[in-house]
C-alpha cells in the first residue's frame, strides 16, 4: 500500500499496527527533549488522500492545535491532531516534534481510540508512527519511513529489538536505541516512502467549485 486507505490508517490507526509505515511500541522522541513550532498549527487539507477511486476528488482535513502531556516527571508541548477523512469519519492523535540529525520528525500515536469492551482492549497493541516534517510555501509535508526499515533493524548487528505481527516487523527497543539506529538512515532518500502533502486551509465546501490555479505569465 503506497497511498493509504486514509491517513487514519497511518496518522492514522496507530491503534493496531501500521501495515505500511515504520512503527514502534515505544516513542520515537525522548521525553523532555521535544520542540514546538507554531507553524504546524491550523487546518490543512488534501485532495484524494484515499486510494479509493470513487473518492479521489474528495478532501481530507487535519487540524493541529496545541497540546501538553506530562509523563515521567516531564512536560512536553506538542499537538493534538484531529483528522477527518473523505467520508466524514474522524479520529484524534497526539503528536510530538523533535529533531534528529538536523531534520524534524513528528511522532504520532492515537489519542483516544473507539470505545471497546475491556476484553477487546487487552488485545490491542498501540504503536507510534514516525514522519519527517517540512513546512514551506503553505504546505505541510509528512513523509513516512518505509516499514522495511524495521526488518533491516532486526537483521542488523547487533539487532534492534523488534517483534513480528502478521508479517509486519514492529520496533520495540528503548527510545534511545531507536534514535541511535535511526540516525544512520535520516539522510538516506531511499529510506522514505511517498510524501503526503497537505495545503494550508480548510477544504472547499461540498459542492463548491475549486478555483483553478492562476496562469503563469509568459
N, C-alpha and C. Protein backbone atom coordinates (compact mmCIF):
# COMPACT_ATOMS: atom_id res chain seq x y z
N UNK A 1 0.84 -1.19 0.00
CA UNK A 1 0.00 0.00 0.00
C UNK A 1 0.88 1.23 0.00
N UNK A 2 0.70 2.10 -0.98
CA UNK A 2 1.53 3.28 -1.05
C UNK A 2 0.79 4.50 -0.49
N UNK A 3 -0.29 4.91 -1.15
CA UNK A 3 -1.10 5.95 -0.54
C UNK A 3 -2.21 5.23 0.20
N UNK A 4 -2.34 5.46 1.49
CA UNK A 4 -3.15 4.60 2.32
C UNK A 4 -4.63 4.83 2.15
N UNK A 5 -5.35 3.89 2.67
CA UNK A 5 -6.80 3.96 2.58
C UNK A 5 -7.27 5.32 3.08
N UNK A 6 -6.78 5.74 4.19
CA UNK A 6 -6.94 7.12 4.63
C UNK A 6 -5.80 7.40 5.57
N UNK A 7 -5.55 8.65 5.85
CA UNK A 7 -4.48 8.97 6.78
C UNK A 7 -4.79 8.35 8.13
N UNK A 8 -6.04 8.09 8.39
CA UNK A 8 -6.39 7.49 9.66
C UNK A 8 -5.88 6.07 9.78
N UNK A 9 -5.42 5.47 8.73
CA UNK A 9 -4.80 4.16 8.85
C UNK A 9 -3.31 4.30 9.12
N UNK A 10 -2.83 5.53 9.09
CA UNK A 10 -1.42 5.70 9.35
C UNK A 10 -1.12 6.84 10.27
N UNK A 11 -1.70 7.91 10.10
CA UNK A 11 -1.54 9.08 11.01
C UNK A 11 -2.28 8.79 12.25
N UNK A 12 -2.89 8.12 12.01
CA UNK A 12 -3.65 7.07 11.40
C UNK A 12 -3.88 5.98 12.38
N UNK A 13 -4.45 4.83 12.08
CA UNK A 13 -4.75 3.96 13.18
C UNK A 13 -3.49 3.35 13.74
N UNK A 14 -2.85 4.17 14.53
CA UNK A 14 -1.75 3.72 15.35
C UNK A 14 -2.29 2.69 16.32
N UNK A 15 -3.57 2.57 16.39
CA UNK A 15 -4.21 1.71 17.36
C UNK A 15 -3.80 0.26 17.20
N UNK A 16 -3.87 -0.24 16.00
CA UNK A 16 -3.42 -1.61 15.83
C UNK A 16 -2.00 -1.56 15.32
N UNK A 17 -1.81 -1.64 14.03
CA UNK A 17 -0.45 -1.53 13.51
C UNK A 17 -0.51 -0.88 12.15
N UNK A 18 0.47 -0.07 11.86
CA UNK A 18 0.52 0.47 10.51
C UNK A 18 1.16 -0.58 9.63
N UNK A 19 0.40 -1.07 8.66
CA UNK A 19 0.93 -2.10 7.78
C UNK A 19 1.91 -1.55 6.77
N UNK A 20 2.04 -0.24 6.66
CA UNK A 20 2.85 0.34 5.60
C UNK A 20 4.00 1.20 6.09
N UNK A 21 3.93 1.71 7.29
CA UNK A 21 4.91 2.67 7.77
C UNK A 21 5.71 2.14 8.95
N UNK A 22 6.85 2.74 9.18
CA UNK A 22 7.69 2.37 10.31
C UNK A 22 6.94 2.65 11.61
N UNK A 23 6.81 1.63 12.45
CA UNK A 23 6.05 1.75 13.69
C UNK A 23 6.85 1.22 14.87
N UNK A 24 6.55 1.74 16.06
CA UNK A 24 7.26 1.33 17.27
C UNK A 24 6.29 1.31 18.45
N UNK A 25 6.52 0.38 19.37
CA UNK A 25 5.71 0.36 20.59
C UNK A 25 6.21 1.40 21.58
N UNK A 26 7.43 1.90 21.39
CA UNK A 26 7.99 2.95 22.23
C UNK A 26 8.03 4.26 21.44
N UNK A 27 7.95 5.41 22.13
CA UNK A 27 8.01 6.70 21.41
C UNK A 27 9.32 6.84 20.64
N UNK A 28 9.26 7.53 19.52
CA UNK A 28 10.47 7.84 18.77
C UNK A 28 11.19 9.04 19.37
N UNK A 29 10.48 9.85 20.15
CA UNK A 29 11.07 11.04 20.77
C UNK A 29 11.41 10.76 22.23
N UNK A 30 12.39 11.49 22.74
CA UNK A 30 12.75 11.39 24.15
C UNK A 30 11.97 12.44 24.93
N UNK A 31 11.31 12.04 25.96
CA UNK A 31 10.52 12.97 26.75
C UNK A 31 11.41 14.05 27.36
N UNK A 32 10.92 15.27 27.30
CA UNK A 32 11.69 16.40 27.79
C UNK A 32 12.61 17.00 26.75
N UNK A 33 12.68 16.39 25.57
CA UNK A 33 13.57 16.89 24.52
C UNK A 33 12.82 17.18 23.22
N UNK A 34 11.53 17.42 23.34
CA UNK A 34 10.73 17.76 22.16
C UNK A 34 10.86 19.25 21.87
N UNK A 35 10.44 19.64 20.67
CA UNK A 35 10.42 21.05 20.29
C UNK A 35 9.00 21.40 19.87
N UNK A 36 8.74 22.69 19.76
CA UNK A 36 7.40 23.13 19.39
C UNK A 36 7.50 24.22 18.35
N UNK A 37 6.77 24.05 17.26
CA UNK A 37 6.78 25.03 16.17
C UNK A 37 5.33 25.40 15.84
N UNK A 38 4.93 26.64 16.12
CA UNK A 38 3.54 27.05 15.84
C UNK A 38 3.18 27.03 14.36
N UNK A 39 4.18 26.92 13.47
CA UNK A 39 3.90 26.90 12.04
C UNK A 39 3.06 25.69 11.64
N UNK A 40 3.05 24.65 12.47
CA UNK A 40 2.27 23.46 12.16
C UNK A 40 0.79 23.62 12.50
N UNK A 41 0.47 24.61 13.32
CA UNK A 41 -0.89 24.78 13.79
C UNK A 41 -1.85 25.17 12.67
N UNK A 42 -3.12 24.84 12.88
CA UNK A 42 -4.15 25.23 11.93
C UNK A 42 -4.71 24.04 11.17
N UNK A 43 -5.53 24.35 10.19
CA UNK A 43 -6.18 23.32 9.38
C UNK A 43 -5.50 23.19 8.03
N UNK A 44 -5.32 21.94 7.60
CA UNK A 44 -4.67 21.63 6.34
C UNK A 44 -5.54 20.62 5.59
N UNK A 45 -5.55 20.69 4.28
CA UNK A 45 -6.39 19.78 3.51
C UNK A 45 -5.61 19.07 2.41
N UNK A 46 -6.13 17.92 2.02
CA UNK A 46 -5.53 17.14 0.94
C UNK A 46 -6.64 16.53 0.08
N UNK A 47 -6.50 16.65 -1.21
CA UNK A 47 -7.45 16.06 -2.13
C UNK A 47 -7.01 14.64 -2.48
N UNK A 48 -7.94 13.71 -2.40
CA UNK A 48 -7.62 12.33 -2.79
C UNK A 48 -6.65 11.65 -1.86
N UNK A 49 -6.82 11.79 -0.55
CA UNK A 49 -5.88 11.15 0.38
C UNK A 49 -6.13 9.65 0.49
N UNK A 50 -7.21 9.18 -0.11
CA UNK A 50 -7.52 7.75 -0.10
C UNK A 50 -7.15 7.15 -1.46
N UNK A 51 -6.90 5.86 -1.46
CA UNK A 51 -6.63 5.18 -2.73
C UNK A 51 -7.92 4.67 -3.36
N UNK A 52 -9.05 5.12 -2.81
CA UNK A 52 -10.36 4.74 -3.33
C UNK A 52 -10.68 5.60 -4.55
N UNK A 53 -10.82 4.96 -5.70
CA UNK A 53 -11.07 5.69 -6.94
C UNK A 53 -12.35 6.52 -6.87
N UNK A 54 -13.34 6.02 -6.14
CA UNK A 54 -14.63 6.70 -6.07
C UNK A 54 -14.56 8.01 -5.29
N UNK A 55 -13.54 8.17 -4.44
CA UNK A 55 -13.46 9.37 -3.62
C UNK A 55 -12.21 10.21 -3.89
N UNK A 56 -11.58 9.99 -5.03
CA UNK A 56 -10.32 10.68 -5.31
C UNK A 56 -10.50 12.19 -5.47
N UNK A 57 -11.74 12.64 -5.74
CA UNK A 57 -12.00 14.07 -5.90
C UNK A 57 -12.43 14.72 -4.59
N UNK A 58 -12.55 13.92 -3.53
CA UNK A 58 -12.97 14.45 -2.23
C UNK A 58 -11.77 14.81 -1.38
N UNK A 59 -12.03 15.57 -0.31
CA UNK A 59 -10.95 16.10 0.51
C UNK A 59 -10.93 15.47 1.91
N UNK A 60 -9.72 15.37 2.44
CA UNK A 60 -9.49 15.04 3.83
C UNK A 60 -8.94 16.29 4.52
N UNK A 61 -9.01 16.34 5.83
CA UNK A 61 -8.51 17.51 6.55
C UNK A 61 -7.87 17.09 7.87
N UNK A 62 -6.81 17.81 8.26
CA UNK A 62 -6.21 17.65 9.58
C UNK A 62 -6.14 19.03 10.24
N UNK A 63 -6.44 19.08 11.52
CA UNK A 63 -6.33 20.32 12.28
C UNK A 63 -5.42 20.08 13.46
N UNK A 64 -4.35 20.88 13.56
CA UNK A 64 -3.40 20.75 14.66
C UNK A 64 -3.61 21.88 15.65
N UNK A 65 -3.77 21.53 16.91
CA UNK A 65 -3.93 22.50 17.99
C UNK A 65 -2.90 22.19 19.08
N UNK A 66 -2.56 23.17 19.94
CA UNK A 66 -1.57 22.92 20.99
C UNK A 66 -2.05 21.87 21.98
N UNK A 67 -1.10 21.10 22.49
CA UNK A 67 -1.42 20.03 23.44
C UNK A 67 -0.20 19.81 24.34
N UNK A 68 -0.43 19.57 25.62
CA UNK A 68 0.66 19.28 26.55
C UNK A 68 0.44 17.93 27.21
N UNK A 69 1.54 17.23 27.42
CA UNK A 69 1.48 15.93 28.06
C UNK A 69 2.53 15.85 29.17
N UNK A 70 2.11 15.44 30.33
CA UNK A 70 3.03 15.29 31.47
C UNK A 70 3.19 13.81 31.79
N UNK A 71 4.43 13.32 31.67
CA UNK A 71 4.74 11.93 31.99
C UNK A 71 6.16 11.83 32.51
N UNK A 72 6.36 10.89 33.40
CA UNK A 72 7.71 10.62 33.93
C UNK A 72 8.37 11.89 34.47
N UNK A 73 7.58 12.78 35.05
CA UNK A 73 8.14 13.98 35.66
C UNK A 73 8.50 15.09 34.70
N UNK A 74 8.16 14.93 33.42
CA UNK A 74 8.45 15.98 32.43
C UNK A 74 7.17 16.36 31.70
N UNK A 75 7.15 17.59 31.19
CA UNK A 75 6.01 18.07 30.42
C UNK A 75 6.48 18.44 29.02
N UNK A 76 5.85 17.87 28.03
CA UNK A 76 6.19 18.16 26.64
C UNK A 76 5.02 18.86 25.97
N UNK A 77 5.33 19.92 25.24
CA UNK A 77 4.30 20.62 24.47
C UNK A 77 4.30 20.08 23.06
N UNK A 78 3.16 19.63 22.64
CA UNK A 78 3.05 19.06 21.31
C UNK A 78 1.77 19.50 20.63
N UNK A 79 1.13 18.55 19.96
CA UNK A 79 -0.03 18.87 19.14
C UNK A 79 -1.10 17.80 19.31
N UNK A 80 -2.34 18.23 19.26
CA UNK A 80 -3.46 17.30 19.14
C UNK A 80 -3.92 17.40 17.68
N UNK A 81 -3.93 16.29 16.99
CA UNK A 81 -4.30 16.26 15.58
C UNK A 81 -5.70 15.68 15.43
N UNK A 82 -6.60 16.47 14.88
CA UNK A 82 -7.94 15.99 14.55
C UNK A 82 -7.97 15.70 13.06
N UNK A 83 -8.24 14.47 12.71
CA UNK A 83 -8.25 14.04 11.31
C UNK A 83 -9.68 13.72 10.87
N UNK A 84 -10.03 14.17 9.67
CA UNK A 84 -11.33 13.82 9.07
C UNK A 84 -11.10 13.30 7.66
N UNK A 85 -11.61 12.11 7.39
CA UNK A 85 -11.40 11.55 6.05
C UNK A 85 -12.48 12.01 5.08
N UNK A 86 -12.41 11.50 3.86
CA UNK A 86 -13.33 11.97 2.82
C UNK A 86 -14.77 11.54 3.05
N UNK A 87 -15.00 10.59 3.97
CA UNK A 87 -16.36 10.15 4.26
C UNK A 87 -16.97 10.90 5.44
N UNK A 88 -16.13 11.70 6.12
CA UNK A 88 -16.60 12.42 7.30
C UNK A 88 -16.22 11.74 8.60
N UNK A 89 -15.65 10.52 8.54
CA UNK A 89 -15.20 9.82 9.74
C UNK A 89 -14.01 10.57 10.33
N UNK A 90 -13.90 10.59 11.66
CA UNK A 90 -12.84 11.38 12.29
C UNK A 90 -12.14 10.59 13.40
N UNK A 91 -10.93 11.04 13.73
CA UNK A 91 -10.14 10.45 14.80
C UNK A 91 -9.15 11.49 15.30
N UNK A 92 -8.57 11.24 16.48
CA UNK A 92 -7.63 12.19 17.06
C UNK A 92 -6.34 11.51 17.46
N UNK A 93 -5.23 12.27 17.34
CA UNK A 93 -3.90 11.74 17.62
C UNK A 93 -3.08 12.75 18.41
N UNK A 94 -2.19 12.25 19.24
CA UNK A 94 -1.22 13.09 19.93
C UNK A 94 0.06 13.07 19.12
N UNK A 95 0.71 14.22 19.01
CA UNK A 95 1.92 14.31 18.18
C UNK A 95 2.97 15.16 18.87
N UNK A 96 4.23 14.74 18.74
CA UNK A 96 5.34 15.47 19.34
C UNK A 96 6.47 15.61 18.33
N UNK A 97 6.98 16.81 18.25
CA UNK A 97 8.01 17.17 17.27
C UNK A 97 9.39 17.10 17.91
N UNK A 98 10.37 16.58 17.16
CA UNK A 98 11.74 16.54 17.67
C UNK A 98 12.70 16.58 16.50
N UNK A 99 13.96 16.84 16.80
CA UNK A 99 14.99 16.90 15.75
C UNK A 99 15.96 15.74 15.88
N UNK A 100 16.40 15.26 14.73
CA UNK A 100 17.39 14.20 14.68
C UNK A 100 18.25 14.42 13.45
N UNK A 101 19.54 14.54 13.65
CA UNK A 101 20.48 14.78 12.56
C UNK A 101 20.08 15.98 11.71
N UNK A 102 19.58 17.03 12.36
CA UNK A 102 19.24 18.26 11.66
C UNK A 102 17.91 18.25 10.94
N UNK A 103 17.16 17.15 11.02
CA UNK A 103 15.85 17.05 10.40
C UNK A 103 14.77 17.01 11.48
N UNK A 104 13.57 17.46 11.11
CA UNK A 104 12.47 17.45 12.06
C UNK A 104 11.53 16.27 11.80
N UNK A 105 11.11 15.65 12.90
CA UNK A 105 10.23 14.49 12.81
C UNK A 105 9.06 14.64 13.78
N UNK A 106 7.96 14.02 13.39
CA UNK A 106 6.76 14.06 14.21
C UNK A 106 6.38 12.63 14.57
N UNK A 107 6.25 12.40 15.88
CA UNK A 107 5.80 11.11 16.40
C UNK A 107 4.29 11.23 16.64
N UNK A 108 3.51 10.33 16.06
CA UNK A 108 2.06 10.35 16.26
C UNK A 108 1.59 9.05 16.88
N UNK A 109 0.64 9.17 17.79
CA UNK A 109 0.01 7.99 18.40
C UNK A 109 -1.44 8.34 18.69
N UNK A 110 -2.26 7.32 18.74
CA UNK A 110 -3.69 7.56 18.90
C UNK A 110 -3.97 8.24 20.24
N UNK A 111 -4.84 9.25 20.23
CA UNK A 111 -5.19 9.97 21.46
C UNK A 111 -6.22 9.17 22.24
N UNK A 112 -7.33 8.93 21.63
CA UNK A 112 -8.37 8.11 22.24
C UNK A 112 -8.97 7.24 21.15
N UNK A 113 -8.91 5.94 21.35
CA UNK A 113 -9.45 5.04 20.36
C UNK A 113 -10.95 4.90 20.50
N UNK A 114 -11.56 4.15 19.60
CA UNK A 114 -13.00 3.92 19.70
C UNK A 114 -13.34 3.16 20.98
N UNK A 115 -14.54 3.34 21.48
CA UNK A 115 -14.95 2.66 22.70
C UNK A 115 -15.12 1.17 22.43
N UNK A 116 -14.38 0.37 23.21
CA UNK A 116 -14.46 -1.08 23.07
C UNK A 116 -14.54 -1.68 24.46
N UNK A 117 -14.93 -2.95 24.54
CA UNK A 117 -15.01 -3.61 25.84
C UNK A 117 -13.61 -3.94 26.34
N UNK A 118 -13.48 -4.17 27.63
CA UNK A 118 -12.17 -4.37 28.25
C UNK A 118 -11.47 -5.61 27.70
N UNK A 119 -12.22 -6.64 27.35
CA UNK A 119 -11.61 -7.84 26.79
C UNK A 119 -10.94 -7.56 25.46
N UNK A 120 -11.60 -6.78 24.62
CA UNK A 120 -11.02 -6.42 23.33
C UNK A 120 -9.81 -5.52 23.53
N UNK A 121 -9.93 -4.57 24.47
CA UNK A 121 -8.85 -3.61 24.71
C UNK A 121 -7.56 -4.30 25.14
N UNK A 122 -7.67 -5.39 25.86
CA UNK A 122 -6.49 -6.12 26.32
C UNK A 122 -5.68 -6.70 25.18
N UNK A 123 -6.29 -6.84 24.02
CA UNK A 123 -5.60 -7.45 22.88
C UNK A 123 -5.11 -6.43 21.86
N UNK A 124 -5.24 -5.16 22.18
CA UNK A 124 -4.77 -4.14 21.26
C UNK A 124 -3.29 -3.83 21.48
N UNK A 125 -2.61 -3.48 20.43
CA UNK A 125 -1.23 -3.03 20.51
C UNK A 125 -1.18 -1.59 20.00
N UNK A 126 -0.84 -0.66 20.87
CA UNK A 126 -0.76 0.74 20.45
C UNK A 126 0.64 1.04 19.94
N UNK A 127 0.74 1.67 18.79
CA UNK A 127 2.05 1.97 18.22
C UNK A 127 2.22 3.45 17.94
N UNK A 128 3.46 3.84 17.76
CA UNK A 128 3.83 5.20 17.36
C UNK A 128 4.28 5.14 15.90
N UNK A 129 3.87 6.15 15.13
CA UNK A 129 4.27 6.26 13.73
C UNK A 129 5.17 7.49 13.59
N UNK A 130 6.17 7.40 12.71
CA UNK A 130 7.15 8.48 12.56
C UNK A 130 7.05 9.12 11.18
N UNK A 131 7.08 10.47 11.17
CA UNK A 131 7.00 11.24 9.94
C UNK A 131 8.09 12.29 9.89
N UNK A 132 8.78 12.42 8.77
CA UNK A 132 9.63 13.59 8.56
C UNK A 132 8.69 14.74 8.22
N UNK A 133 8.93 15.90 8.82
CA UNK A 133 8.00 17.03 8.66
C UNK A 133 8.70 18.23 8.03
N UNK A 134 8.02 18.83 7.06
CA UNK A 134 8.51 20.06 6.43
C UNK A 134 7.34 21.00 6.22
N UNK A 135 7.55 22.28 6.54
CA UNK A 135 6.52 23.31 6.33
C UNK A 135 7.13 24.40 5.46
N UNK A 136 6.54 24.63 4.29
CA UNK A 136 7.06 25.65 3.38
C UNK A 136 6.01 25.98 2.33
N UNK A 137 5.91 27.27 2.00
CA UNK A 137 5.04 27.69 0.91
C UNK A 137 3.59 27.31 1.07
N UNK A 138 3.09 27.33 2.30
CA UNK A 138 1.70 26.99 2.53
C UNK A 138 1.40 25.50 2.44
N UNK A 139 2.43 24.67 2.54
CA UNK A 139 2.25 23.22 2.50
C UNK A 139 2.89 22.56 3.71
N UNK A 140 2.23 21.55 4.22
CA UNK A 140 2.74 20.74 5.32
C UNK A 140 2.95 19.34 4.78
N UNK A 141 4.20 18.89 4.79
CA UNK A 141 4.53 17.59 4.19
C UNK A 141 4.91 16.58 5.26
N UNK A 142 4.20 15.46 5.27
CA UNK A 142 4.50 14.33 6.14
C UNK A 142 5.10 13.24 5.28
N UNK A 143 6.34 12.84 5.56
CA UNK A 143 6.98 11.78 4.79
C UNK A 143 7.32 10.62 5.71
N UNK A 144 6.71 9.46 5.52
CA UNK A 144 6.98 8.31 6.39
C UNK A 144 8.20 7.52 5.94
N UNK A 145 8.75 6.77 6.87
CA UNK A 145 9.80 5.82 6.54
C UNK A 145 9.14 4.53 6.03
N UNK A 146 9.85 3.82 5.16
CA UNK A 146 9.37 2.52 4.73
C UNK A 146 9.34 1.56 5.91
N UNK A 147 8.35 0.71 5.94
CA UNK A 147 8.26 -0.28 7.02
C UNK A 147 9.39 -1.31 6.93
N UNK A 148 9.96 -1.51 5.71
CA UNK A 148 11.03 -2.49 5.54
C UNK A 148 12.26 -2.13 6.37
N UNK A 149 12.32 -0.88 6.79
CA UNK A 149 13.44 -0.45 7.62
C UNK A 149 13.47 -1.23 8.94
N UNK A 150 12.30 -1.58 9.44
CA UNK A 150 12.22 -2.33 10.70
C UNK A 150 12.82 -3.72 10.53
N UNK A 151 12.59 -4.33 9.36
CA UNK A 151 13.18 -5.65 9.12
C UNK A 151 14.70 -5.56 9.07
N UNK A 152 15.20 -4.47 8.50
CA UNK A 152 16.65 -4.27 8.47
C UNK A 152 17.20 -4.07 9.87
N UNK A 153 16.41 -3.43 10.72
CA UNK A 153 16.84 -3.23 12.12
C UNK A 153 16.95 -4.55 12.85
N UNK A 154 16.02 -5.45 12.57
CA UNK A 154 16.03 -6.76 13.22
C UNK A 154 17.21 -7.61 12.76
N UNK A 155 17.69 -7.34 11.53
CA UNK A 155 18.79 -8.12 10.96
C UNK A 155 20.15 -7.47 11.16
N UNK A 156 20.17 -6.26 11.75
CA UNK A 156 21.43 -5.55 11.95
C UNK A 156 22.26 -6.23 13.03
N UNK A 157 23.52 -5.84 13.13
CA UNK A 157 24.42 -6.39 14.15
C UNK A 157 25.03 -5.26 14.97
N UNK A 158 24.66 -5.16 16.27
CA UNK A 158 23.69 -6.00 16.97
C UNK A 158 22.27 -5.67 16.54
N UNK A 159 21.37 -6.63 16.62
CA UNK A 159 20.00 -6.39 16.17
C UNK A 159 19.25 -5.45 17.12
N UNK A 160 18.33 -4.69 16.58
CA UNK A 160 17.46 -3.84 17.38
C UNK A 160 16.24 -4.67 17.76
N UNK A 161 15.76 -4.48 18.98
CA UNK A 161 14.62 -5.28 19.44
C UNK A 161 13.37 -4.98 18.61
N UNK A 162 12.75 -6.03 18.11
CA UNK A 162 11.53 -5.92 17.30
C UNK A 162 10.63 -7.10 17.63
N UNK A 163 9.41 -7.06 17.12
CA UNK A 163 8.56 -8.24 17.14
C UNK A 163 7.74 -8.27 15.86
N UNK A 164 7.28 -9.44 15.50
CA UNK A 164 6.52 -9.61 14.26
C UNK A 164 5.05 -9.79 14.56
N UNK A 165 4.23 -9.15 13.74
CA UNK A 165 2.78 -9.28 13.88
C UNK A 165 2.18 -9.45 12.48
N UNK A 166 1.73 -10.66 12.19
CA UNK A 166 1.11 -10.97 10.91
C UNK A 166 1.95 -10.47 9.73
N UNK A 167 3.24 -10.73 9.79
CA UNK A 167 4.12 -10.38 8.68
C UNK A 167 4.75 -9.00 8.77
N UNK A 168 4.31 -8.18 9.71
CA UNK A 168 4.88 -6.85 9.88
C UNK A 168 5.90 -6.86 11.02
N UNK A 169 6.99 -6.14 10.83
CA UNK A 169 8.01 -6.03 11.87
C UNK A 169 7.85 -4.69 12.57
N UNK A 170 7.71 -4.73 13.89
CA UNK A 170 7.48 -3.53 14.70
C UNK A 170 8.65 -3.33 15.65
N UNK A 171 9.15 -2.11 15.72
CA UNK A 171 10.23 -1.81 16.65
C UNK A 171 9.73 -1.87 18.09
N UNK A 172 10.56 -2.36 18.99
CA UNK A 172 10.18 -2.43 20.40
C UNK A 172 11.34 -2.08 21.33
N UNK A 173 12.43 -1.57 20.79
CA UNK A 173 13.60 -1.21 21.59
C UNK A 173 13.34 0.09 22.34
N UNK A 174 14.15 0.40 23.36
CA UNK A 174 14.03 1.69 24.06
C UNK A 174 14.25 2.85 23.09
N UNK A 175 13.68 4.00 23.40
CA UNK A 175 13.76 5.17 22.53
C UNK A 175 15.20 5.55 22.19
N UNK A 176 16.09 5.53 23.17
CA UNK A 176 17.48 5.93 22.93
C UNK A 176 18.14 5.04 21.88
N UNK A 177 17.85 3.74 21.92
CA UNK A 177 18.43 2.81 20.95
C UNK A 177 17.82 3.02 19.56
N UNK A 178 16.52 3.29 19.52
CA UNK A 178 15.85 3.54 18.24
C UNK A 178 16.43 4.78 17.58
N UNK A 179 16.62 5.85 18.36
CA UNK A 179 17.16 7.09 17.79
C UNK A 179 18.58 6.89 17.27
N UNK A 180 19.40 6.16 18.01
CA UNK A 180 20.78 5.92 17.57
C UNK A 180 20.81 5.15 16.26
N UNK A 181 19.92 4.18 16.12
CA UNK A 181 19.83 3.40 14.89
C UNK A 181 19.25 4.23 13.76
N UNK A 182 18.20 5.00 14.06
CA UNK A 182 17.51 5.80 13.05
C UNK A 182 18.41 6.89 12.48
N UNK A 183 19.32 7.40 13.29
CA UNK A 183 20.23 8.46 12.84
C UNK A 183 21.06 8.02 11.64
N UNK A 184 21.25 6.72 11.48
CA UNK A 184 22.03 6.20 10.35
C UNK A 184 21.25 6.28 9.03
N UNK A 185 19.93 6.49 9.11
CA UNK A 185 19.08 6.43 7.91
C UNK A 185 18.41 7.75 7.57
N UNK A 186 18.54 8.74 8.44
CA UNK A 186 17.86 10.03 8.25
C UNK A 186 18.18 10.67 6.91
N UNK A 187 19.44 10.61 6.50
CA UNK A 187 19.87 11.29 5.28
C UNK A 187 19.77 10.42 4.03
N UNK A 188 19.23 9.22 4.16
CA UNK A 188 19.12 8.30 3.03
C UNK A 188 17.76 8.48 2.35
N UNK A 189 17.70 9.03 1.13
CA UNK A 189 16.42 9.23 0.44
C UNK A 189 15.66 7.93 0.22
N UNK A 190 16.40 6.83 0.10
CA UNK A 190 15.76 5.55 -0.14
C UNK A 190 15.06 4.96 1.07
N UNK A 191 15.20 5.61 2.22
CA UNK A 191 14.56 5.12 3.44
C UNK A 191 13.12 5.59 3.57
N UNK A 192 12.74 6.56 2.71
CA UNK A 192 11.43 7.20 2.86
C UNK A 192 10.42 6.75 1.81
N UNK A 193 9.18 6.66 2.24
CA UNK A 193 8.07 6.35 1.35
C UNK A 193 7.58 7.65 0.72
N UNK A 194 6.50 7.57 -0.03
CA UNK A 194 5.93 8.72 -0.73
C UNK A 194 5.41 9.77 0.26
N UNK A 195 5.72 11.05 0.04
CA UNK A 195 5.26 12.10 0.96
C UNK A 195 3.77 12.38 0.82
N UNK A 196 3.16 12.79 1.92
CA UNK A 196 1.77 13.22 1.93
C UNK A 196 1.77 14.74 2.10
N UNK A 197 1.29 15.45 1.11
CA UNK A 197 1.37 16.91 1.10
C UNK A 197 0.00 17.52 1.37
N UNK A 198 -0.06 18.32 2.45
CA UNK A 198 -1.29 18.99 2.87
C UNK A 198 -1.17 20.49 2.59
N UNK A 199 -2.26 21.07 2.10
CA UNK A 199 -2.28 22.51 1.80
C UNK A 199 -2.97 23.26 2.93
N UNK A 200 -2.47 24.47 3.22
CA UNK A 200 -2.99 25.27 4.31
C UNK A 200 -4.44 25.67 4.05
N UNK A 201 -5.29 25.56 5.07
CA UNK A 201 -6.67 25.99 4.96
C UNK A 201 -7.64 24.84 4.96
N UNK A 202 -8.90 25.16 5.23
CA UNK A 202 -9.95 24.16 5.22
C UNK A 202 -10.25 23.73 3.79
N UNK A 203 -10.70 22.49 3.60
CA UNK A 203 -11.04 22.05 2.25
C UNK A 203 -12.26 22.81 1.72
N UNK A 204 -12.40 22.89 0.40
CA UNK A 204 -13.57 23.55 -0.16
C UNK A 204 -14.86 22.91 0.33
N UNK A 205 -15.90 23.72 0.51
CA UNK A 205 -17.19 23.19 0.95
C UNK A 205 -17.73 22.23 -0.09
N UNK A 206 -18.48 21.24 0.37
CA UNK A 206 -19.05 20.25 -0.55
C UNK A 206 -19.86 20.95 -1.63
N UNK A 207 -19.55 20.64 -2.86
CA UNK A 207 -20.28 21.22 -3.97
C UNK A 207 -19.74 22.54 -4.45
N UNK A 208 -18.81 23.13 -3.69
CA UNK A 208 -18.25 24.41 -4.10
C UNK A 208 -17.23 24.19 -5.19
N UNK A 209 -17.20 25.03 -6.19
CA UNK A 209 -16.22 24.85 -7.27
C UNK A 209 -14.80 25.10 -6.77
N UNK A 210 -13.88 24.33 -7.23
CA UNK A 210 -12.48 24.51 -6.87
C UNK A 210 -11.86 25.54 -7.81
N UNK A 211 -11.26 26.56 -7.25
CA UNK A 211 -10.67 27.61 -8.06
C UNK A 211 -9.43 27.08 -8.80
N UNK A 212 -9.34 27.31 -10.08
CA UNK A 212 -8.16 26.85 -10.83
C UNK A 212 -6.93 27.65 -10.44
N UNK A 213 -5.78 27.03 -10.58
CA UNK A 213 -4.53 27.72 -10.26
C UNK A 213 -4.33 28.87 -11.25
N UNK A 214 -3.82 30.01 -10.79
CA UNK A 214 -3.61 31.15 -11.69
C UNK A 214 -2.61 30.80 -12.78
N UNK A 215 -2.87 31.33 -13.98
CA UNK A 215 -1.98 31.05 -15.10
C UNK A 215 -0.71 31.85 -14.95
N UNK A 216 0.39 31.21 -15.29
CA UNK A 216 1.67 31.89 -15.22
C UNK A 216 1.84 32.84 -16.40
N UNK A 217 2.43 33.95 -16.10
CA UNK A 217 2.67 34.92 -17.17
C UNK A 217 3.80 34.41 -18.05
N UNK A 218 3.67 34.58 -19.36
CA UNK A 218 4.73 34.10 -20.28
C UNK A 218 6.00 34.90 -20.08
